[in-house]
Protein backbone atom coordinates (compact mmCIF):
# COMPACT_ATOMS: atom_id res chain seq x y z
CA MET A 1 0.04 0.03 0.04
CA ALA A 2 1.29 3.52 -1.00
CA ILE A 3 1.29 6.24 2.37
CA GLU A 4 -0.24 8.86 0.14
CA VAL A 5 -0.21 12.76 2.44
CA GLY A 6 -3.81 13.19 3.49
CA THR A 7 -4.65 9.91 4.73
CA LYS A 8 -5.21 8.61 8.37
CA LEU A 9 -3.67 5.16 9.59
CA GLU A 10 -3.85 3.27 12.70
CA GLY A 11 0.13 2.23 14.15
CA LYS A 12 1.81 1.26 16.86
CA VAL A 13 4.42 3.55 18.93
CA THR A 14 7.70 1.81 18.67
CA GLY A 15 10.31 4.64 19.96
CA ILE A 16 9.82 7.66 21.93
CA THR A 17 12.84 10.43 22.11
CA HIS A 18 13.17 13.54 23.06
CA PHE A 19 11.87 15.47 19.86
CA GLY A 20 9.04 12.97 18.94
CA ALA A 21 7.49 9.05 18.23
CA PHE A 22 8.14 6.08 16.19
CA VAL A 23 5.26 5.09 14.81
CA ASP A 24 4.74 1.67 13.03
CA LEU A 25 2.51 1.45 9.91
CA SER A 26 1.28 -1.56 7.89
CA GLY A 27 3.53 -3.18 6.37
CA GLY A 28 7.02 -2.37 8.44
CA VAL A 29 6.84 1.04 7.49
CA THR A 30 8.01 3.49 10.62
CA GLY A 31 6.83 7.53 10.41
CA LEU A 32 7.76 10.07 13.13
CA VAL A 33 5.47 12.08 15.07
CA HIS A 34 6.89 15.09 15.67
CA ILE A 35 6.79 16.73 19.23
CA SER A 36 5.25 19.53 17.99
CA GLU A 37 2.47 17.61 16.20
CA ILE A 38 1.31 14.89 19.22
CA ALA A 39 -1.29 17.61 20.64
CA ASP A 40 -3.20 20.90 20.51
CA ASN A 41 -1.40 22.50 23.61
CA TYR A 42 2.45 22.34 24.59
CA VAL A 43 3.83 19.30 24.90
CA LYS A 44 7.05 19.45 27.33
CA ASP A 45 7.61 15.61 27.38
CA VAL A 46 6.41 12.90 24.80
CA ASN A 47 6.22 10.65 27.70
CA ASP A 48 3.57 12.35 29.14
CA HIS A 49 1.54 11.24 26.13
CA LEU A 50 2.54 8.50 24.45
CA LYS A 51 3.69 5.31 25.73
CA ILE A 52 5.82 2.38 23.63
CA ASN A 53 3.00 -0.07 22.31
CA ASP A 54 0.40 2.78 21.71
CA VAL A 55 -1.95 2.05 19.18
CA VAL A 56 -2.60 5.60 17.87
CA THR A 57 -4.28 7.42 14.94
CA VAL A 58 -2.59 9.40 12.48
CA LYS A 59 -2.32 11.72 9.45
CA VAL A 60 0.22 11.68 7.13
CA ILE A 61 1.55 14.95 6.64
CA ASN A 62 4.43 14.77 4.57
CA VAL A 63 6.98 12.43 2.64
CA ASP A 64 10.21 12.96 1.66
CA LYS A 65 12.36 11.42 -1.30
CA ASP A 66 14.68 9.07 0.70
CA GLY A 67 11.64 7.68 2.59
CA LYS A 68 10.87 9.85 5.30
CA ILE A 69 7.45 9.81 6.74
CA GLY A 70 6.24 12.95 8.78
CA LEU A 71 2.99 12.44 10.75
CA SER A 72 0.74 14.17 12.94
CA ILE A 73 -1.96 12.93 15.82
CA LYS A 74 -3.37 16.61 16.39
CA GLN A 75 -4.59 16.73 12.62
CA ALA A 76 -5.78 13.02 12.75
CA VAL A 77 -8.39 14.08 15.14
CA ASP A 78 -11.77 15.69 13.68
CA LYS A 79 -12.52 19.19 14.92
CA PRO A 80 -15.94 20.52 15.12
CA ALA A 81 -16.24 23.11 13.18
CA SER A 82 -16.91 25.80 16.17
CA GLU A 83 -13.59 25.60 17.22
CA SER A 84 -11.73 26.26 13.49
CA ARG A 85 -8.61 28.36 13.99
CA SER A 86 -9.94 30.85 11.45
CA ARG A 87 -11.81 33.48 13.30
CA PRO A 88 -14.69 35.80 11.41
CA GLU A 89 -14.16 39.15 9.97
CA ARG A 90 -16.02 41.92 12.33
CA SER A 91 -17.53 44.46 10.04
CA GLY A 92 -16.20 47.90 10.35
CA GLU A 93 -12.96 47.01 12.61
CA ARG A 94 -10.27 46.45 9.76
CA PHE A 95 -8.45 49.46 8.26
CA GLY A 96 -9.73 52.41 10.56
CA GLY A 97 -13.53 51.60 10.61
CA GLY A 98 -14.48 51.58 14.38
CA GLY A 99 -11.82 50.28 16.39
CA GLY A 100 -12.48 53.12 19.27
CA GLY A 101 -10.33 55.79 18.14
CA TYR A 102 -7.02 53.54 18.22
CA ASN A 103 -4.61 53.43 14.84
CA ARG A 104 -4.46 49.79 13.63
CA ASP A 105 -1.43 47.62 14.07
CA ARG A 106 -0.42 44.94 11.75
CA GLY A 107 -2.57 42.34 13.65
CA GLY A 108 -5.45 43.82 13.31
CA ARG A 109 -5.81 44.72 17.54
CA PRO A 110 -5.96 48.00 19.00
CA PHE A 111 -2.95 49.91 19.66
CA LYS A 112 -2.79 52.55 22.62
CA PRO A 113 0.01 54.69 23.01
CA ALA A 114 1.68 54.23 26.29
CA ALA A 115 0.66 57.20 28.63
CA ASN A 116 4.44 59.13 30.01
CA LYS A 117 6.56 56.67 27.92
CA PRO A 118 10.00 58.81 27.09
CA SER A 119 10.38 58.79 23.83
CA PHE A 120 13.74 57.33 22.02
CA GLU A 121 15.33 60.47 21.86
CA ASP A 122 14.98 60.93 25.49
CA LYS A 123 16.36 57.49 26.15
CA MET A 124 19.12 58.02 24.44
CA LEU A 125 20.45 61.27 25.90
CA ARG A 126 19.77 59.45 29.08
CA PHE A 127 21.95 56.88 27.96
CA LEU A 128 24.77 58.90 26.79
CA LYS A 129 24.52 61.06 30.14
CA ASP A 130 25.22 57.66 31.86
CA SER A 131 27.79 56.42 29.65
CA GLU A 132 29.53 59.63 29.98
CA GLU A 133 29.60 59.52 33.77
CA ARG A 134 30.69 56.06 33.84
CA ILE A 135 33.84 56.76 31.29
CA SER A 136 34.73 59.92 33.33
CA SER A 137 34.67 57.67 37.16
CA LEU A 138 36.67 54.94 35.15
CA LYS A 139 39.25 57.66 33.90
CA LYS A 140 39.61 58.61 37.15
CA ASN A 141 40.17 55.65 38.71
CA THR A 142 42.88 54.16 36.40
CA GLU A 143 44.69 57.41 35.80
CA GLY A 144 46.97 56.98 39.17
CA LYS A 145 47.41 53.42 38.97
CA ARG A 146 49.51 53.29 35.51
CA GLY A 147 51.72 56.02 36.45
CA GLY A 148 51.32 58.18 34.03
CA ARG A 149 50.73 62.00 34.29
CA GLY A 150 53.55 63.58 36.70
CA ALA A 151 54.01 60.44 38.64
CA LYS A 152 57.62 60.57 40.12
CA ARG A 153 60.18 57.86 39.49
CA MET A 154 62.78 56.92 41.76
């Protein structure tokens, strides 16, 4: 049986690593479920979700030329339409319409300028002032230790 992208198959977990799990498909073919494709939430340790010899349903997400098969457990689960990630466009909100008087940033979220936040120029002036103070104190502390500027020699 040829394994094609998009097909859902049953398989048995044969190995677990820190980056994912190897699943044996029919006919002795093995594929990898990457740690990011195990569950919808964050997976810190694969062992928390899978055990060796677990039977899992996987979806084939890619097949490389060299025979490597990429699998996904989270894409194999059918989700109800209400949980889809695409968000409906709200009327009049994008591109300046509506929005409560705020400018919109690239993500379409309201942008509120922070009150009393120093500007870039203010930050730069403060940095230069602090820098000059530090350099002058370093010069004062190191001049006498090098034996220069009028130190008497014996």
